[in-house]
Structure formats: structure tokens, C-alpha cells
Amino acid sequence: MATDDMRALMSAPGNDRLIWNTPLSEERGLADRVFFHEVPAAVYARDGYDLAVSIGAAHAWPGGAAEALKALRAAVRPGGRVLFGDGFWEREPSPAALEGLGAGPGDFGSLLELIRLAESAANIGRGERWALAHPGHPPHAEVTAAVDARRTGYYGGYRGTLGLAYLVLGT
């Protein structure tokens, strides 16, 4: 859907709460803490935020997910958070899937590739927090290698084969 079409849909009668959520943030008394910016992502350069969010919008940056993660990281203050969501191929896409999405095979990577991209942009994951806090600790290399192997095994191997159920049971 084109941007103009999306804006027309969002501004249709009855959809006023969808327009960048500004009316809702004002209604809830959050207007001084929550900001929605309608600017091209590639030129937005403010920083100091507690949280930056991009869900399914990495295509808004010329460099895709890598550029989006770099820009989002730059937008938050030290110790801030980035909430990032993007697509990934769960399996090799069929020609029909590619056509339906208007995508190419290289437009998305695997979940493991996305996680590694995020880790490299955020400098966290694979035990980095522990490793940064304990650089001289004797099992430093062993621990980070074990964490990486387990993560790679899950996201690059058995994810999608082994499930995990969360059940809420009445007593």
C-alpha cells in the first residue's frame, strides 16, 4: 500500500485515533512524554529518548534493517531501549510468496541473521553484558562461546521444530 493510500485510510472518518496516536497520547496525559514524528526516517536526527520504536518499518531507511538499527540506537540516551521488529524468512520463500509481498529473496534474512544484525548494532547479546562487566574473568571466552552456540542452535537450527507452550491452568 502506498504511503498516500495509508494516510488516506488512517484519516478516514472514525479512524482519528489511528493518526500517529497523538490524540490518544494527549487524552491519556502523555503528550509531554510521548512523541510521534511524521518525518522521513533517514533525515530524523534527534536523540536523548528513553525509547525508540520501529515495528515493521525498517524499509523506511535507505539501508533497511541495518540503517534502521543504527539510527534508532543513535536516537536513545545511554541506557535507553530500542524496540525493533522486522520481517524474516522462516523458510525459503516461494515465487508466489515473493510476488504477493512484492519482495525479493534478499529483502529479508533468517531470524538468526536479524538477531545477529541487532546484536551488532546494539552491542549486546551473546553474553556481551557479562563479558563487558568481566573482561578478565578466566571463563570469559568459554562462556561467550557457549552462549553463542546455544543461540545459534536455537535460532539457526531447531526453532520451528521444537515448541514451547505456556499454559494457564485453573485450580
C-alpha atoms as a PDB file:
ATOM      1  CA  MET A   1       0.000   0.000   0.000  1.00  0.00           C
ATOM      2  CA  ALA A   2       1.384   3.395  -0.948  1.00  0.00           C
ATOM      3  CA  THR A   3       2.071   5.953   1.776  1.00  0.00           C
ATOM      4  CA  ASP A   4      -0.642   8.287   0.465  1.00  0.00           C
ATOM      5  CA  ASP A   5      -3.149   5.422   0.462  1.00  0.00           C
ATOM      6  CA  MET A   6      -2.180   4.526   4.030  1.00  0.00           C
ATOM      7  CA  ARG A   7      -2.577   8.112   5.190  1.00  0.00           C
ATOM      8  CA  ALA A   8      -5.982   8.318   3.473  1.00  0.00           C
ATOM      9  CA  LEU A   9      -7.075   5.131   5.220  1.00  0.00           C
ATOM     10  CA  MET A  10      -5.820   6.332   8.591  1.00  0.00           C
ATOM     11  CA  SER A  11      -7.532   9.699   8.260  1.00  0.00           C
ATOM     12  CA  ALA A  12     -10.886   8.250   7.186  1.00  0.00           C
ATOM     13  CA  PRO A  13     -13.873   9.156   9.398  1.00  0.00           C
ATOM     14  CA  GLY A  14     -13.821   7.087  12.571  1.00  0.00           C
ATOM     15  CA  ASN A  15     -10.089   6.431  12.385  1.00  0.00           C
ATOM     16  CA  ASP A  16      -8.954   9.613  14.094  1.00  0.00           C
ATOM     17  CA  ARG A  17      -7.306   7.632  16.916  1.00  0.00           C
ATOM     18  CA  LEU A  18      -5.010   5.950  14.405  1.00  0.00           C
ATOM     19  CA  ILE A  19      -3.396   9.131  13.132  1.00  0.00           C
ATOM     20  CA  TRP A  20       0.015   8.699  14.754  1.00  0.00           C
ATOM     21  CA  ASN A  21      -1.779   8.134  18.076  1.00  0.00           C
ATOM     22  CA  THR A  22      -1.276  11.776  19.042  1.00  0.00           C
ATOM     23  CA  PRO A  23      -4.911  12.319  20.136  1.00  0.00           C
ATOM     24  CA  LEU A  24      -4.736   9.190  22.291  1.00  0.00           C
ATOM     25  CA  SER A  25      -1.461  10.237  23.948  1.00  0.00           C
ATOM     26  CA  GLU A  26      -2.977  13.665  24.702  1.00  0.00           C
ATOM     27  CA  GLU A  27      -6.157  12.068  26.059  1.00  0.00           C
ATOM     28  CA  ARG A  28      -4.106   9.896  28.424  1.00  0.00           C
ATOM     29  CA  GLY A  29      -1.988  12.789  29.668  1.00  0.00           C
ATOM     30  CA  LEU A  30       1.181  11.566  27.952  1.00  0.00           C
ATOM     31  CA  ALA A  31       1.633  14.360  25.400  1.00  0.00           C
ATOM     32  CA  ASP A  32       4.653  15.745  27.248  1.00  0.00           C
ATOM     33  CA  ARG A  33       6.365  12.304  27.292  1.00  0.00           C
ATOM     34  CA  VAL A  34       5.250  10.531  24.096  1.00  0.00           C
ATOM     35  CA  PHE A  35       6.088  11.917  20.669  1.00  0.00           C
ATOM     36  CA  PHE A  36       5.074  10.698  17.228  1.00  0.00           C
ATOM     37  CA  HIS A  37       7.142  12.135  14.398  1.00  0.00           C
ATOM     38  CA  GLU A  38       5.944  12.259  10.813  1.00  0.00           C
ATOM     39  CA  VAL A  39       9.222  12.856   9.025  1.00  0.00           C
ATOM     40  CA  PRO A  40      11.352  10.779   6.664  1.00  0.00           C
ATOM     41  CA  ALA A  41      13.247   8.295   8.823  1.00  0.00           C
ATOM     42  CA  ALA A  42      16.531   8.866   7.020  1.00  0.00           C
ATOM     43  CA  VAL A  43      16.637  12.555   7.957  1.00  0.00           C
ATOM     44  CA  TYR A  44      15.395  12.362  11.558  1.00  0.00           C
ATOM     45  CA  ALA A  45      18.342  13.137  13.822  1.00  0.00           C
ATOM     46  CA  ARG A  46      17.085  13.929  17.332  1.00  0.00           C
ATOM     47  CA  ASP A  47      18.437  11.988  20.286  1.00  0.00           C
ATOM     48  CA  GLY A  48      18.078  11.595  24.047  1.00  0.00           C
ATOM     49  CA  TYR A  49      14.938   9.445  24.030  1.00  0.00           C
ATOM     50  CA  ASP A  50      14.282   6.747  26.625  1.00  0.00           C
ATOM     51  CA  LEU A  51      12.733   4.513  23.968  1.00  0.00           C
ATOM     52  CA  ALA A  52      12.700   4.380  20.175  1.00  0.00           C
ATOM     53  CA  VAL A  53      10.243   2.041  18.427  1.00  0.00           C
ATOM     54  CA  SER A  54      10.184   0.693  14.890  1.00  0.00           C
ATOM     55  CA  ILE A  55       7.869  -2.224  14.158  1.00  0.00           C
ATOM     56  CA  GLY A  56       7.834  -3.446  10.581  1.00  0.00           C
ATOM     57  CA  ALA A  57       9.202  -0.156   9.268  1.00  0.00           C
ATOM     58  CA  ALA A  58      12.878  -0.860   8.521  1.00  0.00           C
ATOM     59  CA  HIS A  59      12.102  -0.224   4.861  1.00  0.00           C
ATOM     60  CA  ALA A  60      11.737   3.472   5.770  1.00  0.00           C
ATOM     61  CA  TRP A  61      15.532   3.728   5.979  1.00  0.00           C
ATOM     62  CA  PRO A  62      17.558   3.533   2.750  1.00  0.00           C
ATOM     63  CA  GLY A  63      19.788   0.810   4.200  1.00  0.00           C
ATOM     64  CA  GLY A  64      16.955  -1.319   5.571  1.00  0.00           C
ATOM     65  CA  ALA A  65      17.261  -3.014   8.949  1.00  0.00           C
ATOM     66  CA  ALA A  66      20.963  -2.224   9.395  1.00  0.00           C
ATOM     67  CA  GLU A  67      20.428   1.508   8.862  1.00  0.00           C
ATOM     68  CA  ALA A  68      17.244   1.480  10.948  1.00  0.00           C
ATOM     69  CA  LEU A  69      19.013  -0.112  13.907  1.00  0.00           C
ATOM     70  CA  LYS A  70      21.889   2.346  13.650  1.00  0.00           C
ATOM     71  CA  ALA A  71      19.501   5.337  13.593  1.00  0.00           C
ATOM     72  CA  LEU A  72      17.319   4.000  16.403  1.00  0.00           C
ATOM     73  CA  ARG A  73      20.339   3.360  18.602  1.00  0.00           C
ATOM     74  CA  ALA A  74      21.510   6.937  17.974  1.00  0.00           C
ATOM     75  CA  ALA A  75      18.072   8.269  18.980  1.00  0.00           C
ATOM     76  CA  VAL A  76      18.113   6.856  22.513  1.00  0.00           C
ATOM     77  CA  ARG A  77      20.049   8.114  25.508  1.00  0.00           C
ATOM     78  CA  PRO A  78      22.727   5.914  27.106  1.00  0.00           C
ATOM     79  CA  GLY A  79      20.838   3.166  28.922  1.00  0.00           C
ATOM     80  CA  GLY A  80      17.749   3.720  26.753  1.00  0.00           C
ATOM     81  CA  ARG A  81      15.959   0.984  24.866  1.00  0.00           C
ATOM     82  CA  VAL A  82      15.130   0.227  21.247  1.00  0.00           C
ATOM     83  CA  LEU A  83      12.062  -1.864  20.429  1.00  0.00           C
ATOM     84  CA  PHE A  84      12.639  -3.204  16.929  1.00  0.00           C
ATOM     85  CA  GLY A  85      10.520  -5.559  14.886  1.00  0.00           C
ATOM     86  CA  ASP A  86      11.169  -6.608  11.320  1.00  0.00           C
ATOM     87  CA  GLY A  87      10.307  -9.442   8.993  1.00  0.00           C
ATOM     88  CA  PHE A  88      12.432 -12.541   8.484  1.00  0.00           C
ATOM     89  CA  TRP A  89      12.115 -15.626   6.325  1.00  0.00           C
ATOM     90  CA  GLU A  90      11.039 -18.634   8.363  1.00  0.00           C
ATOM     91  CA  ARG A  91      11.795 -20.747   5.308  1.00  0.00           C
ATOM     92  CA  GLU A  92      12.806 -20.158   1.702  1.00  0.00           C
ATOM     93  CA  PRO A  93      10.017 -18.058   0.151  1.00  0.00           C
ATOM     94  CA  SER A  94       8.173 -19.444  -2.850  1.00  0.00           C
ATOM     95  CA  PRO A  95       7.844 -17.382  -6.036  1.00  0.00           C
ATOM     96  CA  ALA A  96       4.157 -16.855  -5.170  1.00  0.00           C
ATOM     97  CA  ALA A  97       5.085 -15.547  -1.702  1.00  0.00           C
ATOM     98  CA  LEU A  98       7.649 -13.179  -3.188  1.00  0.00           C
ATOM     99  CA  GLU A  99       5.162 -11.921  -5.754  1.00  0.00           C
ATOM    100  CA  GLY A 100       2.431 -11.471  -3.161  1.00  0.00           C
ATOM    101  CA  LEU A 101       4.762  -9.478  -0.930  1.00  0.00           C
ATOM    102  CA  GLY A 102       6.363  -7.569  -3.757  1.00  0.00           C
ATOM    103  CA  ALA A 103       9.668  -8.727  -2.277  1.00  0.00           C
ATOM    104  CA  GLY A 104      12.886 -10.320  -3.409  1.00  0.00           C
ATOM    105  CA  PRO A 105      14.676 -13.232  -1.747  1.00  0.00           C
ATOM    106  CA  GLY A 106      17.331 -10.875  -0.353  1.00  0.00           C
ATOM    107  CA  ASP A 107      14.860  -8.429   1.182  1.00  0.00           C
ATOM    108  CA  PHE A 108      14.842 -10.378   4.436  1.00  0.00           C
ATOM    109  CA  GLY A 109      17.225 -12.764   6.134  1.00  0.00           C
ATOM    110  CA  SER A 110      16.671 -15.534   8.642  1.00  0.00           C
ATOM    111  CA  LEU A 111      15.736 -14.867  12.259  1.00  0.00           C
ATOM    112  CA  LEU A 112      19.303 -15.684  13.274  1.00  0.00           C
ATOM    113  CA  GLU A 113      20.627 -13.131  10.756  1.00  0.00           C
ATOM    114  CA  LEU A 114      18.219 -10.482  12.099  1.00  0.00           C
ATOM    115  CA  ILE A 115      19.244 -11.207  15.694  1.00  0.00           C
ATOM    116  CA  ARG A 116      22.934 -11.009  14.828  1.00  0.00           C
ATOM    117  CA  LEU A 117      22.330  -7.743  12.983  1.00  0.00           C
ATOM    118  CA  ALA A 118      20.533  -6.340  16.035  1.00  0.00           C
ATOM    119  CA  GLU A 119      23.284  -7.561  18.342  1.00  0.00           C
ATOM    120  CA  SER A 120      25.958  -5.905  16.252  1.00  0.00           C
ATOM    121  CA  ALA A 121      24.012  -2.632  16.209  1.00  0.00           C
ATOM    122  CA  ALA A 122      23.237  -2.690  19.914  1.00  0.00           C
ATOM    123  CA  ASN A 123      26.466  -4.266  21.117  1.00  0.00           C
ATOM    124  CA  ILE A 124      24.512  -6.652  23.321  1.00  0.00           C
ATOM    125  CA  GLY A 125      23.660 -10.317  23.243  1.00  0.00           C
ATOM    126  CA  ARG A 126      25.750 -13.475  23.159  1.00  0.00           C
ATOM    127  CA  GLY A 127      26.898 -12.722  26.701  1.00  0.00           C
ATOM    128  CA  GLU A 128      28.251  -9.267  25.921  1.00  0.00           C
ATOM    129  CA  ARG A 129      26.772  -7.689  29.040  1.00  0.00           C
ATOM    130  CA  TRP A 130      28.513 -10.227  31.249  1.00  0.00           C
ATOM    131  CA  ALA A 131      31.644 -10.095  29.098  1.00  0.00           C
ATOM    132  CA  LEU A 132      31.786  -6.297  29.311  1.00  0.00           C
ATOM    133  CA  ALA A 133      31.437  -6.466  33.080  1.00  0.00           C
ATOM    134  CA  HIS A 134      34.023  -9.275  33.460  1.00  0.00           C
ATOM    135  CA  PRO A 135      36.631  -8.866  30.682  1.00  0.00           C
ATOM    136  CA  GLY A 136      39.439 -10.554  32.582  1.00  0.00           C
ATOM    137  CA  HIS A 137      37.425 -13.386  34.102  1.00  0.00           C
ATOM    138  CA  PRO A 138      39.019 -16.790  33.388  1.00  0.00           C
ATOM    139  CA  PRO A 139      35.946 -18.424  31.720  1.00  0.00           C
ATOM    140  CA  HIS A 140      35.174 -15.288  29.673  1.00  0.00           C
ATOM    141  CA  ALA A 141      35.829 -16.852  26.250  1.00  0.00           C
ATOM    142  CA  GLU A 142      34.254 -20.178  27.215  1.00  0.00           C
ATOM    143  CA  VAL A 143      31.029 -18.570  28.473  1.00  0.00           C
ATOM    144  CA  THR A 144      30.537 -16.325  25.446  1.00  0.00           C
ATOM    145  CA  ALA A 145      31.257 -19.254  23.087  1.00  0.00           C
ATOM    146  CA  ALA A 146      28.703 -21.439  24.902  1.00  0.00           C
ATOM    147  CA  VAL A 147      26.033 -18.725  24.825  1.00  0.00           C
ATOM    148  CA  ASP A 148      26.679 -18.159  21.113  1.00  0.00           C
ATOM    149  CA  ALA A 149      26.499 -21.889  20.332  1.00  0.00           C
ATOM    150  CA  ARG A 150      23.198 -22.258  22.171  1.00  0.00           C
ATOM    151  CA  ARG A 151      21.684 -19.195  20.477  1.00  0.00           C
ATOM    152  CA  THR A 152      22.894 -20.328  17.064  1.00  0.00           C
ATOM    153  CA  GLY A 153      21.470 -23.804  17.683  1.00  0.00           C
ATOM    154  CA  TYR A 154      18.078 -22.390  18.573  1.00  0.00           C
ATOM    155  CA  TYR A 155      17.622 -19.592  16.037  1.00  0.00           C
ATOM    156  CA  GLY A 156      19.634 -21.258  13.297  1.00  0.00           C
ATOM    157  CA  GLY A 157      18.544 -24.835  13.871  1.00  0.00           C
ATOM    158  CA  TYR A 158      15.778 -26.247  15.989  1.00  0.00           C
ATOM    159  CA  ARG A 159      13.477 -23.211  16.256  1.00  0.00           C
ATOM    160  CA  GLY A 160      10.325 -24.117  14.380  1.00  0.00           C
ATOM    161  CA  THR A 161      10.879 -27.783  15.210  1.00  0.00           C
ATOM    162  CA  LEU A 162      10.571 -27.711  18.985  1.00  0.00           C
ATOM    163  CA  GLY A 163       7.800 -25.642  20.516  1.00  0.00           C
ATOM    164  CA  LEU A 164       7.276 -24.293  23.993  1.00  0.00           C
ATOM    165  CA  ALA A 165       3.769 -23.919  25.390  1.00  0.00           C
ATOM    166  CA  TYR A 166       2.739 -21.519  28.131  1.00  0.00           C
ATOM    167  CA  LEU A 167      -0.373 -22.845  29.843  1.00  0.00           C
ATOM    168  CA  VAL A 168      -2.579 -21.084  32.361  1.00  0.00           C
ATOM    169  CA  LEU A 169      -4.429 -23.625  34.444  1.00  0.00           C
ATOM    170  CA  GLY A 170      -7.310 -23.161  36.850  1.00  0.00           C
ATOM    171  CA  THR A 171      -7.212 -24.937  40.164  1.00  0.00           C
END
